[in-house]
Amino acid sequence: MPMTTLLSHGPPAPAITAGFSTRPDGNVSLALGDDPAAVHRTRAAILDAAGLGGLPVATVRQVHGARCVTVDPFYLEREPYQADGMVTASPRIVLMIGVADCVPIVLADPFAGCVGVLHAGWRGLHAGIVEAGINALVALGGDPGRIHAWLGPSICPDCYPVGQHTRAQVTRRYPQGAAVTPAGEGSLDLIAASVEALRNAGVDKRDIVGECTLENPARWFSRRRDGRSGVQAALVAISR
């Protein structure tokens, strides 16, 4: 599992652990019909690999929208909300979403001690999930100029032809998302659209995994390639 650990820039900033699981790690979704006990074992193994073993996990019921919820210890006592983003300033709570072609975006402001994770498909981008996530971090004390974004594996524009109406909905808001497949079909570049959204919100610090989920079946789940077969995790936690 590729993991990134951000070290403090100086006290009292905490360390932040963030990463993306892979297909060999297993499916992390409870909504796809897998044995729940097996999914929980998969999640636990991923947390162990990330050095986050034993910490509570916050999730959401992902609906391809623009709602971003703030997680605190009380959130863990409730049923997951319908949302596509989470932020927290609470230490030692893991925020986890599942993806299988959409862009997973991890956000962190180590100085302010707040983190977030977003699920950004074309519908969420069109609805404004990136802006909602940044605004939620700002409400916790984050500064767009300090926020760092990690964009995980997602479907590439060569593999993502879409209808004209869908393409227009996204590219009216994010022109950089317009793309064309090698066959000449109109497509979307979800990474480029996400970067444009981040930049518009004032976030310029970013790292991009740059791997296509559809083109790498041994490494990543892909909804467009495989249907409802599984999802990999994007996770982040204030680890100390």
Protein backbone atom coordinates (compact mmCIF):
# COMPACT_ATOMS: atom_id res chain seq x y z
CA MET A 1 0.00 0.00 0.00
CA PRO A 2 1.60 3.32 -1.02
CA MET A 3 1.60 5.53 2.06
CA THR A 4 2.65 9.12 2.55
CA THR A 5 3.50 10.46 6.00
CA LEU A 6 3.79 14.20 6.44
CA LEU A 7 6.13 15.24 9.21
CA SER A 8 5.43 18.32 11.29
CA HIS A 9 6.84 21.61 10.06
CA GLY A 10 7.23 22.60 13.69
CA PRO A 11 5.30 22.30 16.93
CA PRO A 12 2.43 22.08 17.54
CA ALA A 13 1.67 20.75 14.04
CA PRO A 14 0.85 17.02 14.08
CA ALA A 15 1.95 14.23 11.79
CA ILE A 16 -0.54 13.20 9.14
CA THR A 17 -0.76 9.79 7.51
CA ALA A 18 -2.45 9.45 4.14
CA GLY A 19 -2.56 6.82 1.45
CA PHE A 20 -4.40 4.71 -1.08
CA SER A 21 -4.95 0.97 -0.90
CA THR A 22 -4.68 -1.24 -3.99
CA ARG A 23 -6.79 -3.98 -5.53
CA PRO A 24 -4.65 -6.79 -4.01
CA ASP A 25 -5.42 -5.30 -0.59
CA GLY A 26 -9.09 -6.12 -1.19
CA ASN A 27 -12.47 -4.42 -1.42
CA VAL A 28 -13.23 -1.89 1.34
CA SER A 29 -16.91 -1.29 0.58
CA LEU A 30 -19.75 -2.78 2.63
CA ALA A 31 -22.25 -1.88 -0.13
CA LEU A 32 -21.22 -4.38 -2.80
CA GLY A 33 -22.46 -7.64 -1.31
CA ASP A 34 -19.19 -8.92 0.12
CA ASP A 35 -19.19 -10.61 3.52
CA PRO A 36 -19.10 -7.71 6.03
CA ALA A 37 -16.66 -9.58 8.26
CA ALA A 38 -14.28 -9.97 5.32
CA VAL A 39 -14.54 -6.27 4.48
CA HIS A 40 -13.80 -5.31 8.07
CA ARG A 41 -10.76 -7.62 8.04
CA THR A 42 -9.59 -5.95 4.83
CA ARG A 43 -9.97 -2.51 6.35
CA ALA A 44 -8.13 -3.59 9.49
CA ALA A 45 -5.23 -4.98 7.45
CA ILE A 46 -4.98 -1.73 5.49
CA LEU A 47 -4.92 0.30 8.69
CA ASP A 48 -2.23 -1.97 10.11
CA ALA A 49 -0.12 -1.47 6.96
CA ALA A 50 -0.53 2.27 7.33
CA GLY A 51 0.50 2.27 10.97
CA LEU A 52 -3.04 3.17 12.00
CA GLY A 53 -4.12 -0.17 13.42
CA GLY A 54 -6.87 -0.05 16.02
CA LEU A 55 -8.05 3.48 15.21
CA PRO A 56 -11.76 4.10 14.53
CA VAL A 57 -12.80 4.59 10.91
CA ALA A 58 -15.25 7.24 9.72
CA THR A 59 -17.05 6.63 6.42
CA VAL A 60 -19.91 8.16 4.44
CA ARG A 61 -22.62 6.82 2.15
CA GLN A 62 -21.24 8.15 -1.12
CA VAL A 63 -23.87 9.62 -3.44
CA HIS A 64 -21.87 11.58 -6.07
CA GLY A 65 -22.81 14.93 -4.56
CA ALA A 66 -21.16 17.95 -2.96
CA ARG A 67 -21.83 17.43 0.73
CA CYS A 68 -18.79 17.39 3.00
CA VAL A 69 -19.30 16.51 6.67
CA THR A 70 -17.17 17.37 9.68
CA VAL A 71 -16.18 14.30 11.69
CA ASP A 72 -15.68 14.28 15.44
CA PRO A 73 -15.86 11.45 18.00
CA PHE A 74 -19.65 11.82 18.17
CA TYR A 75 -19.93 11.17 14.42
CA LEU A 76 -18.59 7.67 15.00
CA GLU A 77 -21.66 6.85 17.11
CA ARG A 78 -24.07 7.57 14.23
CA GLU A 79 -24.92 5.85 10.97
CA PRO A 80 -22.74 7.23 8.16
CA TYR A 81 -24.18 10.35 6.54
CA GLN A 82 -24.89 10.66 2.83
CA ALA A 83 -21.93 12.70 1.62
CA ASP A 84 -18.86 12.58 -0.60
CA GLY A 85 -16.35 14.28 1.62
CA MET A 86 -15.19 14.34 5.21
CA VAL A 87 -12.95 16.67 7.20
CA THR A 88 -11.72 16.53 10.77
CA ALA A 89 -9.50 18.24 13.28
CA SER A 90 -9.85 15.33 15.71
CA PRO A 91 -6.67 13.28 16.12
CA ARG A 92 -6.55 9.52 15.67
CA ILE A 93 -9.72 9.13 13.61
CA VAL A 94 -9.27 7.63 10.14
CA LEU A 95 -11.31 9.17 7.33
CA MET A 96 -11.90 6.59 4.57
CA ILE A 97 -13.69 6.69 1.22
CA GLY A 98 -13.90 4.06 -1.52
CA VAL A 99 -13.19 4.69 -5.20
CA ALA A 100 -13.01 2.72 -8.42
CA ASP A 101 -12.47 5.28 -11.26
CA CYS A 102 -13.49 8.56 -9.58
CA VAL A 103 -10.72 10.74 -8.20
CA PRO A 104 -9.86 10.28 -4.52
CA ILE A 105 -8.54 13.53 -3.10
CA VAL A 106 -6.78 13.68 0.26
CA LEU A 107 -6.36 17.12 1.82
CA ALA A 108 -4.22 18.23 4.74
CA ASP A 109 -3.11 21.40 6.48
CA PRO A 110 -0.53 20.10 8.97
CA PHE A 111 -0.01 23.51 10.54
CA ALA A 112 -3.71 23.90 11.37
CA GLY A 113 -4.05 20.22 12.24
CA CYS A 114 -6.96 19.43 9.94
CA VAL A 115 -7.41 16.87 7.17
CA GLY A 116 -10.02 15.74 4.67
CA VAL A 117 -10.82 13.23 1.98
CA LEU A 118 -13.08 13.66 -1.07
CA HIS A 119 -14.74 11.41 -3.65
CA ALA A 120 -14.68 13.37 -6.93
CA GLY A 121 -16.45 11.82 -9.90
CA TRP A 122 -17.93 13.88 -12.69
CA ARG A 123 -21.18 14.44 -10.82
CA GLY A 124 -19.40 15.50 -7.65
CA LEU A 125 -17.08 17.82 -9.54
CA HIS A 126 -20.03 19.40 -11.33
CA ALA A 127 -21.82 19.80 -7.99
CA GLY A 128 -18.79 21.40 -6.31
CA ILE A 129 -17.37 18.72 -3.98
CA VAL A 130 -13.83 20.12 -4.18
CA GLU A 131 -14.91 23.61 -3.17
CA ALA A 132 -17.09 22.17 -0.40
CA GLY A 133 -14.13 20.23 0.96
CA ILE A 134 -11.81 23.24 0.96
CA ASN A 135 -14.47 25.41 2.60
CA ALA A 136 -14.97 22.77 5.29
CA LEU A 137 -11.24 22.72 6.03
CA VAL A 138 -11.14 26.51 6.17
CA ALA A 139 -13.94 26.36 8.75
CA LEU A 140 -11.60 24.22 10.87
CA GLY A 141 -8.78 26.74 10.59
CA GLY A 142 -7.19 25.53 7.37
CA ASP A 143 -5.61 27.92 4.89
CA PRO A 144 -5.84 27.14 1.15
CA GLY A 145 -2.27 28.38 0.79
CA ARG A 146 -1.07 25.71 3.23
CA ILE A 147 -3.39 22.87 2.23
CA HIS A 148 -1.69 20.02 0.37
CA ALA A 149 -3.72 17.78 -1.93
CA TRP A 150 -2.99 14.22 -3.04
CA LEU A 151 -4.92 12.98 -6.06
CA GLY A 152 -5.05 9.21 -6.22
CA PRO A 153 -5.52 6.71 -9.03
CA SER A 154 -8.50 7.33 -11.31
CA ILE A 155 -9.68 6.63 -14.82
CA CYS A 156 -7.65 8.51 -17.45
CA PRO A 157 -9.20 10.60 -20.25
CA ASP A 158 -8.15 8.08 -22.91
CA CYS A 159 -10.41 5.52 -21.22
CA TYR A 160 -13.29 7.77 -20.23
CA PRO A 161 -15.51 8.72 -23.18
CA VAL A 162 -18.73 10.35 -22.04
CA GLY A 163 -21.84 11.75 -23.64
CA GLN A 164 -21.92 15.30 -24.92
CA HIS A 165 -24.29 16.51 -22.19
CA THR A 166 -22.19 15.01 -19.39
CA ARG A 167 -19.01 16.48 -20.84
CA ALA A 168 -20.59 19.92 -21.19
CA GLN A 169 -21.85 19.91 -17.59
CA VAL A 170 -18.33 19.45 -16.25
CA THR A 171 -16.37 21.51 -18.75
CA ARG A 172 -18.57 24.57 -18.38
CA ARG A 173 -17.28 24.73 -14.82
CA TYR A 174 -13.80 23.30 -15.43
CA PRO A 175 -12.67 23.83 -19.04
CA GLN A 176 -9.41 21.96 -18.37
CA GLY A 177 -11.46 18.79 -17.96
CA ALA A 178 -12.23 18.62 -21.69
CA ALA A 179 -10.41 15.78 -23.44
CA VAL A 180 -10.61 13.48 -26.45
CA THR A 181 -9.90 9.75 -26.60
CA PRO A 182 -7.44 8.30 -29.13
CA ALA A 183 -10.51 7.24 -31.15
CA GLY A 184 -11.69 10.84 -31.31
CA GLU A 185 -14.54 10.57 -28.80
CA GLY A 186 -15.24 13.38 -26.39
CA SER A 187 -14.03 12.45 -22.91
CA LEU A 188 -13.33 13.91 -19.50
CA ASP A 189 -10.03 14.38 -17.73
CA LEU A 190 -11.14 14.09 -14.11
CA ILE A 191 -7.66 14.82 -12.77
CA ALA A 192 -7.34 18.03 -14.80
CA ALA A 193 -10.80 19.13 -13.68
CA SER A 194 -9.93 18.37 -10.05
CA VAL A 195 -6.66 20.31 -10.29
CA GLU A 196 -8.54 23.26 -11.79
CA ALA A 197 -11.07 23.11 -8.96
CA LEU A 198 -8.29 23.02 -6.36
CA ARG A 199 -6.47 25.90 -8.00
CA ASN A 200 -9.66 27.96 -8.17
CA ALA A 201 -10.06 27.37 -4.43
CA GLY A 202 -6.51 28.56 -3.78
CA VAL A 203 -4.82 25.16 -3.36
CA ASP A 204 -1.65 24.84 -5.44
CA LYS A 205 0.31 22.24 -3.44
CA ARG A 206 -0.45 18.80 -4.82
CA ASP A 207 0.88 15.38 -5.73
CA ILE A 208 -0.76 13.14 -8.32
CA VAL A 209 -0.46 9.34 -8.44
CA GLY A 210 -1.06 9.45 -12.20
CA GLU A 211 -2.14 5.83 -12.71
CA CYS A 212 -5.25 4.88 -14.68
CA THR A 213 -7.55 2.52 -12.80
CA LEU A 214 -8.99 0.99 -15.97
CA GLU A 215 -5.61 0.32 -17.59
CA ASN A 216 -4.11 -1.40 -14.53
CA PRO A 217 -6.39 -4.31 -13.55
CA ALA A 218 -3.76 -6.00 -11.39
CA ARG A 219 -3.36 -2.89 -9.27
CA TRP A 220 -6.69 -1.04 -9.16
CA PHE A 221 -10.42 -1.70 -9.14
CA SER A 222 -12.32 -0.03 -12.02
CA ARG A 223 -16.10 0.31 -12.12
CA ARG A 224 -16.14 0.98 -15.86
CA ARG A 225 -13.99 -2.07 -16.59
CA ASP A 226 -15.37 -4.56 -14.06
CA GLY A 227 -18.76 -3.28 -12.92
CA ARG A 228 -19.55 -3.45 -9.20
CA SER A 229 -16.58 -5.60 -8.25
CA GLY A 230 -14.87 -3.65 -5.48
CA VAL A 231 -13.29 -0.35 -4.47
CA GLN A 232 -9.92 0.71 -3.11
CA ALA A 233 -9.58 3.07 -0.16
CA ALA A 234 -8.34 6.59 0.18
CA LEU A 235 -7.62 7.41 3.79
CA VAL A 236 -6.16 10.09 5.99
CA ALA A 237 -5.69 10.57 9.71
CA ILE A 238 -4.00 12.92 12.13
CA SER A 239 -1.79 10.15 13.39
CA ARG A 240 -0.24 11.90 16.38
